[in-house]
Amino acid sequence: MNLLDTGIVIEMLKEKEQRQGIISIITLAEILRGINTQKRPAIRRLLEESFAVINLDTTAVEKYCDLYSNLKKQGTLLPDADLFIAAAAIKHDLTLETTDERFQRLKTRRLKTQII
């Protein structure tokens, strides 16, 4: 199973597409912050029932810091949420399914991607 990036999950919700996958707690947060407060609990339950949700731990945080430092040196930073999602994928040895080609920059840092 792949780790699904936020954009992939948003498209699935719009299209009412159902399939298995894994999401990061960061993706859960990114989606829920854009949902009306009253609808948020129902959407949270839907996401938690539809996907395995992986949390961040100190190993993932250290990987995030490594990714951040490397990209900062190159002058090619990505948003923090994207780096946390990438760190979770690397930590769990998952392929990140995404529409965002910027993640290709992290291939040298052991991130496996599937660009859709």
C-alpha atoms as a PDB file:
ATOM      1  CA  MET A   1       0.000   0.000   0.000  1.00  0.00           C
ATOM      2  CA  ASN A   2       1.109   3.561  -0.699  1.00  0.00           C
ATOM      3  CA  LEU A   3       1.152   6.616   1.524  1.00  0.00           C
ATOM      4  CA  LEU A   4      -1.296   9.027  -0.096  1.00  0.00           C
ATOM      5  CA  ASP A   5      -0.410  12.707  -0.283  1.00  0.00           C
ATOM      6  CA  THR A   6      -3.026  15.266   0.721  1.00  0.00           C
ATOM      7  CA  GLY A   7      -3.835  16.255  -2.872  1.00  0.00           C
ATOM      8  CA  ILE A   8      -4.615  12.651  -3.779  1.00  0.00           C
ATOM      9  CA  VAL A   9      -7.015  12.269  -0.838  1.00  0.00           C
ATOM     10  CA  ILE A  10      -8.744  15.575  -1.626  1.00  0.00           C
ATOM     11  CA  GLU A  11      -9.339  14.424  -5.203  1.00  0.00           C
ATOM     12  CA  MET A  12     -10.665  11.088  -3.939  1.00  0.00           C
ATOM     13  CA  LEU A  13     -13.121  12.919  -1.670  1.00  0.00           C
ATOM     14  CA  LYS A  14     -14.274  15.185  -4.519  1.00  0.00           C
ATOM     15  CA  GLU A  15     -14.744  12.236  -6.868  1.00  0.00           C
ATOM     16  CA  LYS A  16     -16.240  10.033  -4.118  1.00  0.00           C
ATOM     17  CA  GLU A  17     -13.590   7.454  -5.005  1.00  0.00           C
ATOM     18  CA  GLN A  18     -12.932   4.710  -2.489  1.00  0.00           C
ATOM     19  CA  ARG A  19      -9.783   2.642  -2.261  1.00  0.00           C
ATOM     20  CA  GLN A  20      -7.316   1.494   0.319  1.00  0.00           C
ATOM     21  CA  GLY A  21      -4.281   3.427   1.351  1.00  0.00           C
ATOM     22  CA  ILE A  22      -2.378   4.990   4.177  1.00  0.00           C
ATOM     23  CA  ILE A  23      -2.351   8.649   5.167  1.00  0.00           C
ATOM     24  CA  SER A  24      -0.171  10.635   7.504  1.00  0.00           C
ATOM     25  CA  ILE A  25      -1.580  12.472  10.507  1.00  0.00           C
ATOM     26  CA  ILE A  26      -0.372  15.597   8.637  1.00  0.00           C
ATOM     27  CA  THR A  27      -2.703  14.815   5.719  1.00  0.00           C
ATOM     28  CA  LEU A  28      -5.546  14.328   8.188  1.00  0.00           C
ATOM     29  CA  ALA A  29      -4.804  17.746   9.708  1.00  0.00           C
ATOM     30  CA  GLU A  30      -4.478  19.471   6.316  1.00  0.00           C
ATOM     31  CA  ILE A  31      -7.847  18.145   5.185  1.00  0.00           C
ATOM     32  CA  LEU A  32      -9.694  18.796   8.437  1.00  0.00           C
ATOM     33  CA  ARG A  33      -8.479  22.384   8.749  1.00  0.00           C
ATOM     34  CA  GLY A  34     -10.315  23.222   5.513  1.00  0.00           C
ATOM     35  CA  ILE A  35     -13.595  21.591   6.565  1.00  0.00           C
ATOM     36  CA  ASN A  36     -16.494  23.432   8.155  1.00  0.00           C
ATOM     37  CA  THR A  37     -16.372  22.977  11.939  1.00  0.00           C
ATOM     38  CA  GLN A  38     -19.720  21.188  12.067  1.00  0.00           C
ATOM     39  CA  LYS A  39     -18.745  18.703   9.323  1.00  0.00           C
ATOM     40  CA  ARG A  40     -15.259  18.076  10.695  1.00  0.00           C
ATOM     41  CA  PRO A  41     -16.105  15.154  13.061  1.00  0.00           C
ATOM     42  CA  ALA A  42     -17.930  13.236  10.311  1.00  0.00           C
ATOM     43  CA  ILE A  43     -15.116  13.773   7.803  1.00  0.00           C
ATOM     44  CA  ARG A  44     -12.542  12.748  10.418  1.00  0.00           C
ATOM     45  CA  ARG A  45     -14.423   9.510  11.058  1.00  0.00           C
ATOM     46  CA  LEU A  46     -14.730   8.867   7.319  1.00  0.00           C
ATOM     47  CA  LEU A  47     -10.983   9.322   6.817  1.00  0.00           C
ATOM     48  CA  GLU A  48     -10.051   7.224   9.855  1.00  0.00           C
ATOM     49  CA  GLU A  49     -12.375   4.415   8.707  1.00  0.00           C
ATOM     50  CA  SER A  50     -11.179   4.598   5.097  1.00  0.00           C
ATOM     51  CA  PHE A  51      -7.415   4.802   5.623  1.00  0.00           C
ATOM     52  CA  ALA A  52      -4.762   3.622   8.000  1.00  0.00           C
ATOM     53  CA  VAL A  53      -3.449   6.798   9.674  1.00  0.00           C
ATOM     54  CA  ILE A  54       0.213   6.849  10.673  1.00  0.00           C
ATOM     55  CA  ASN A  55       1.460   9.188  13.355  1.00  0.00           C
ATOM     56  CA  LEU A  56       4.774  10.950  13.589  1.00  0.00           C
ATOM     57  CA  ASP A  57       7.340   9.816  16.103  1.00  0.00           C
ATOM     58  CA  THR A  58      10.805  11.079  16.997  1.00  0.00           C
ATOM     59  CA  THR A  59      12.408   9.061  14.195  1.00  0.00           C
ATOM     60  CA  ALA A  60      10.131  10.739  11.645  1.00  0.00           C
ATOM     61  CA  VAL A  61      10.864  14.146  13.200  1.00  0.00           C
ATOM     62  CA  GLU A  62      14.602  13.497  12.874  1.00  0.00           C
ATOM     63  CA  LYS A  63      14.088  12.489   9.227  1.00  0.00           C
ATOM     64  CA  TYR A  64      12.083  15.700   8.683  1.00  0.00           C
ATOM     65  CA  CYS A  65      14.992  17.712  10.128  1.00  0.00           C
ATOM     66  CA  ASP A  66      17.428  15.921   7.814  1.00  0.00           C
ATOM     67  CA  LEU A  67      15.243  16.653   4.772  1.00  0.00           C
ATOM     68  CA  TYR A  68      14.773  20.279   5.837  1.00  0.00           C
ATOM     69  CA  SER A  69      18.502  20.855   6.354  1.00  0.00           C
ATOM     70  CA  ASN A  70      19.400  19.270   3.033  1.00  0.00           C
ATOM     71  CA  LEU A  71      16.865  21.279   1.046  1.00  0.00           C
ATOM     72  CA  LYS A  72      17.727  24.502   2.890  1.00  0.00           C
ATOM     73  CA  LYS A  73      21.381  24.099   1.862  1.00  0.00           C
ATOM     74  CA  GLN A  74      20.219  23.662  -1.730  1.00  0.00           C
ATOM     75  CA  GLY A  75      17.867  26.644  -1.491  1.00  0.00           C
ATOM     76  CA  THR A  76      14.928  24.464  -2.548  1.00  0.00           C
ATOM     77  CA  LEU A  77      12.746  24.145   0.561  1.00  0.00           C
ATOM     78  CA  LEU A  78       9.346  22.500   0.480  1.00  0.00           C
ATOM     79  CA  PRO A  79       6.487  23.368   2.855  1.00  0.00           C
ATOM     80  CA  ASP A  80       6.836  21.806   6.306  1.00  0.00           C
ATOM     81  CA  ALA A  81       3.689  19.691   5.856  1.00  0.00           C
ATOM     82  CA  ASP A  82       5.153  18.140   2.693  1.00  0.00           C
ATOM     83  CA  LEU A  83       8.434  17.417   4.442  1.00  0.00           C
ATOM     84  CA  PHE A  84       6.644  15.729   7.357  1.00  0.00           C
ATOM     85  CA  ILE A  85       4.641  13.577   4.917  1.00  0.00           C
ATOM     86  CA  ALA A  86       7.845  12.654   3.064  1.00  0.00           C
ATOM     87  CA  ALA A  87       9.584  11.857   6.370  1.00  0.00           C
ATOM     88  CA  ALA A  88       6.718   9.538   7.346  1.00  0.00           C
ATOM     89  CA  ALA A  89       6.961   7.754   3.977  1.00  0.00           C
ATOM     90  CA  ILE A  90      10.711   7.280   4.352  1.00  0.00           C
ATOM     91  CA  LYS A  91      10.450   6.135   7.966  1.00  0.00           C
ATOM     92  CA  HIS A  92       7.815   3.520   7.124  1.00  0.00           C
ATOM     93  CA  ASP A  93       9.469   2.565   3.802  1.00  0.00           C
ATOM     94  CA  LEU A  94       6.331   3.488   1.851  1.00  0.00           C
ATOM     95  CA  THR A  95       5.954   4.866  -1.655  1.00  0.00           C
ATOM     96  CA  LEU A  96       4.414   8.345  -1.621  1.00  0.00           C
ATOM     97  CA  GLU A  97       1.590   8.642  -4.140  1.00  0.00           C
ATOM     98  CA  THR A  98       1.270  12.280  -5.145  1.00  0.00           C
ATOM     99  CA  THR A  99       0.496  14.708  -7.950  1.00  0.00           C
ATOM    100  CA  ASP A 100       3.244  17.065  -6.761  1.00  0.00           C
ATOM    101  CA  GLU A 101       6.421  16.636  -8.792  1.00  0.00           C
ATOM    102  CA  ARG A 102       8.399  18.695  -6.260  1.00  0.00           C
ATOM    103  CA  PHE A 103       8.701  15.518  -4.180  1.00  0.00           C
ATOM    104  CA  GLN A 104      11.083  14.217  -6.861  1.00  0.00           C
ATOM    105  CA  ARG A 105      13.750  16.417  -5.237  1.00  0.00           C
ATOM    106  CA  LEU A 106      13.776  14.000  -2.308  1.00  0.00           C
ATOM    107  CA  LYS A 107      14.579  10.853  -4.298  1.00  0.00           C
ATOM    108  CA  THR A 108      18.222  11.183  -3.300  1.00  0.00           C
ATOM    109  CA  ARG A 109      17.060  11.162   0.330  1.00  0.00           C
ATOM    110  CA  ARG A 110      15.428   7.701  -0.027  1.00  0.00           C
ATOM    111  CA  LEU A 111      11.902   8.905  -0.816  1.00  0.00           C
ATOM    112  CA  LYS A 112      10.082   6.604  -3.224  1.00  0.00           C
ATOM    113  CA  THR A 113       7.398   8.415  -5.210  1.00  0.00           C
ATOM    114  CA  GLN A 114       4.631   7.538  -7.608  1.00  0.00           C
ATOM    115  CA  ILE A 115       3.615  10.684  -9.479  1.00  0.00           C
ATOM    116  CA  ILE A 116       0.001  10.498 -10.708  1.00  0.00           C
END
